[in-house]
């Protein structure tokens, strides 16, 4: 008897939902949708959906100036006073490792929705990327030219046109 009384309201509610034109029937076992998301969810959405506030004094030319600074530190080679020189003195593997660490830290902060920390880690990531460029003898203009070349090309099409990793590493097409 008690079971019948519990089922009737749920069955009535299901019929009521189904009776509304354009509605989709919802299984009874699903909890009803809450009217308002949790405060933490609203706060996280607010951070992600907030308009991007870009300072007026920021510009991409800072990367060119950073490259010049890192290159001058490489040429000076003073590992006692320059973090860049010290890092490059440790070898390419260490330079690349640091870039990877910064990339992971940036991804973690972005995933957690920490906007300010993501900005800080992004700056670290860009700095270490510039150190990789200097260590590899790559000038920023070469990267900018590649970005210009890719402008207007679908990312899917561009990636599909690249040689695969092992083929690229072996510098041969015989493995393809």
Protein backbone atom coordinates (compact mmCIF):
# COMPACT_ATOMS: atom_id res chain seq x y z
CA UNK A 1 0.00 0.00 0.00
CA UNK A 2 2.73 2.48 0.97
CA UNK A 3 4.61 1.75 -2.23
CA UNK A 4 1.58 2.67 -4.34
CA UNK A 5 1.26 6.08 -2.71
CA UNK A 6 4.92 6.88 -3.32
CA UNK A 7 4.72 5.97 -7.00
CA UNK A 8 1.60 7.92 -7.78
CA UNK A 9 3.07 11.43 -7.30
CA UNK A 10 6.14 10.54 -9.39
CA UNK A 11 3.97 9.02 -12.09
CA UNK A 12 1.72 12.07 -12.08
CA UNK A 13 4.74 14.36 -12.37
CA UNK A 14 6.11 12.33 -15.29
CA UNK A 15 2.74 12.50 -17.05
CA UNK A 16 2.56 16.23 -16.38
CA UNK A 17 6.06 16.77 -17.90
CA UNK A 18 5.19 14.64 -20.90
CA UNK A 19 1.94 16.54 -21.39
CA UNK A 20 3.74 19.84 -21.91
CA UNK A 21 4.13 20.38 -25.69
CA UNK A 22 7.76 20.28 -26.82
CA UNK A 23 9.04 18.80 -23.56
CA UNK A 24 11.26 15.77 -23.39
CA UNK A 25 10.30 12.99 -20.98
CA UNK A 26 12.77 12.73 -18.10
CA UNK A 27 13.40 9.39 -16.35
CA UNK A 28 11.98 9.32 -12.83
CA UNK A 29 15.31 8.37 -11.21
CA UNK A 30 16.98 11.66 -12.30
CA UNK A 31 16.93 14.41 -9.71
CA UNK A 32 14.95 17.49 -10.58
CA UNK A 33 17.02 20.37 -12.00
CA UNK A 34 17.95 22.93 -9.38
CA UNK A 35 16.74 26.43 -10.00
CA UNK A 36 20.10 27.99 -9.15
CA UNK A 37 23.64 26.58 -9.60
CA UNK A 38 25.95 26.35 -6.60
CA UNK A 39 27.80 29.50 -5.57
CA UNK A 40 31.19 28.01 -6.52
CA UNK A 41 29.89 27.20 -10.01
CA UNK A 42 28.49 30.72 -10.45
CA UNK A 43 31.81 32.21 -9.29
CA UNK A 44 33.83 30.02 -11.69
CA UNK A 45 31.51 30.86 -14.58
CA UNK A 46 31.84 34.54 -13.71
CA UNK A 47 35.65 34.31 -13.94
CA UNK A 48 35.56 32.48 -17.26
CA UNK A 49 32.84 34.57 -18.81
CA UNK A 50 34.12 37.93 -17.61
CA UNK A 51 35.19 40.27 -20.40
CA UNK A 52 38.90 40.22 -21.07
CA UNK A 53 40.52 43.33 -19.67
CA UNK A 54 43.68 44.03 -21.63
CA UNK A 55 45.95 46.74 -20.24
CA UNK A 56 46.54 49.56 -22.70
CA UNK A 57 50.32 49.36 -22.28
CA UNK A 58 50.62 45.70 -23.30
CA UNK A 59 51.87 44.73 -26.76
CA UNK A 60 53.37 41.71 -28.49
CA UNK A 61 56.60 43.62 -29.26
CA UNK A 62 57.62 42.76 -25.70
CA UNK A 63 58.47 39.27 -27.01
CA UNK A 64 60.93 40.72 -29.51
CA UNK A 65 62.54 42.78 -26.72
CA UNK A 66 62.62 39.71 -24.46
CA UNK A 67 64.36 37.71 -27.20
CA UNK A 68 66.97 40.50 -27.55
CA UNK A 69 67.59 40.44 -23.79
CA UNK A 70 67.89 36.64 -23.59
CA UNK A 71 70.21 36.61 -26.64
CA UNK A 72 72.44 39.28 -25.07
CA UNK A 73 72.60 37.20 -21.86
CA UNK A 74 73.56 34.12 -23.90
CA UNK A 75 76.33 36.06 -25.63
CA UNK A 76 77.60 37.48 -22.32
CA UNK A 77 77.49 33.99 -20.81
CA UNK A 78 77.52 35.27 -17.23
CA UNK A 79 75.79 32.40 -15.42
CA UNK A 80 76.52 34.02 -12.05
CA UNK A 81 74.23 37.01 -12.70
CA UNK A 82 71.83 35.85 -15.42
CA UNK A 83 69.15 33.20 -15.00
CA UNK A 84 68.91 32.89 -18.80
CA UNK A 85 72.66 32.33 -19.19
CA UNK A 86 72.67 29.83 -16.30
CA UNK A 87 69.76 27.89 -17.82
CA UNK A 88 71.33 27.72 -21.29
CA UNK A 89 74.68 26.71 -19.79
CA UNK A 90 72.96 23.61 -18.43
CA UNK A 91 72.17 22.44 -21.96
CA UNK A 92 69.31 22.14 -24.39
CA UNK A 93 67.66 19.26 -22.50
CA UNK A 94 67.36 21.40 -19.35
CA UNK A 95 66.05 24.37 -21.35
CA UNK A 96 63.39 22.14 -22.93
CA UNK A 97 62.54 20.54 -19.57
CA UNK A 98 61.90 23.98 -18.04
CA UNK A 99 59.60 24.87 -20.93
CA UNK A 100 57.64 21.66 -20.34
CA UNK A 101 57.35 22.34 -16.60
CA UNK A 102 56.02 25.85 -17.24
CA UNK A 103 53.53 24.52 -19.80
CA UNK A 104 52.18 22.01 -17.29
CA UNK A 105 51.89 24.68 -14.58
CA UNK A 106 50.01 26.94 -17.01
CA UNK A 107 47.63 24.12 -17.96
CA UNK A 108 46.95 23.30 -14.30
CA UNK A 109 46.09 26.90 -13.42
CA UNK A 110 43.89 27.26 -16.51
CA UNK A 111 42.10 24.02 -15.71
CA UNK A 112 41.45 25.19 -12.16
CA UNK A 113 40.03 28.44 -13.49
CA UNK A 114 42.64 30.60 -11.75
CA UNK A 115 42.74 33.54 -14.14
CA UNK A 116 45.49 35.59 -12.44
CA UNK A 117 47.73 32.55 -11.91
CA UNK A 118 47.18 31.52 -15.54
CA UNK A 119 48.41 34.94 -16.65
CA UNK A 120 51.51 34.61 -14.43
CA UNK A 121 52.25 31.09 -15.66
CA UNK A 122 51.67 32.20 -19.26
CA UNK A 123 54.36 34.85 -18.83
CA UNK A 124 56.72 32.19 -17.44
CA UNK A 125 55.84 29.90 -20.34
CA UNK A 126 56.52 32.61 -22.94
CA UNK A 127 59.83 33.51 -21.27
CA UNK A 128 60.98 29.87 -21.34
CA UNK A 129 59.78 29.51 -24.94
CA UNK A 130 61.97 32.50 -25.86
CA UNK A 131 64.90 30.83 -24.06
CA UNK A 132 64.27 27.69 -26.18
CA UNK A 133 64.29 29.87 -29.33
CA UNK A 134 67.57 31.55 -28.36
CA UNK A 135 69.13 28.19 -27.46
CA UNK A 136 68.03 26.75 -30.83
CA UNK A 137 69.11 29.83 -32.81
CA UNK A 138 65.54 30.71 -33.78
CA UNK A 139 64.69 34.38 -34.27
CA UNK A 140 61.19 35.64 -33.43
CA UNK A 141 60.74 36.83 -37.03
CA UNK A 142 60.92 33.20 -38.17
CA UNK A 143 58.07 32.26 -35.86
CA UNK A 144 56.04 35.33 -36.85
CA UNK A 145 56.54 34.43 -40.55
CA UNK A 146 55.26 30.90 -39.90
CA UNK A 147 52.22 32.30 -38.10
CA UNK A 148 51.56 34.65 -41.03
CA UNK A 149 51.86 31.70 -43.43
CA UNK A 150 49.20 29.84 -41.45
CA UNK A 151 46.76 32.76 -41.34
CA UNK A 152 43.51 31.90 -43.06
CA UNK A 153 44.35 28.18 -43.25
CA UNK A 154 42.14 25.76 -41.37
CA UNK A 155 44.01 24.33 -38.38
CA UNK A 156 42.78 20.87 -39.31
CA UNK A 157 44.06 21.17 -42.89
CA UNK A 158 47.39 22.66 -41.77
CA UNK A 159 48.01 19.90 -39.24
CA UNK A 160 47.05 17.18 -41.72
CA UNK A 161 49.61 18.55 -44.19
CA UNK A 162 52.49 18.24 -41.69
CA UNK A 163 54.72 15.17 -41.79
CA UNK A 164 54.12 12.79 -38.89
CA UNK A 165 56.48 12.84 -35.89
CA UNK A 166 58.78 9.93 -36.69
CA UNK A 167 58.88 10.83 -40.37
CA UNK A 168 59.78 14.41 -39.48
CA UNK A 169 62.42 13.26 -36.97
CA UNK A 170 63.99 10.87 -39.49
CA UNK A 171 63.79 13.53 -42.22
CA UNK A 172 62.60 10.95 -44.72
CA UNK A 173 59.33 10.05 -46.38
CA UNK A 174 60.27 6.37 -46.74
CA UNK A 175 58.62 5.59 -43.39
CA UNK A 176 55.26 7.06 -44.38
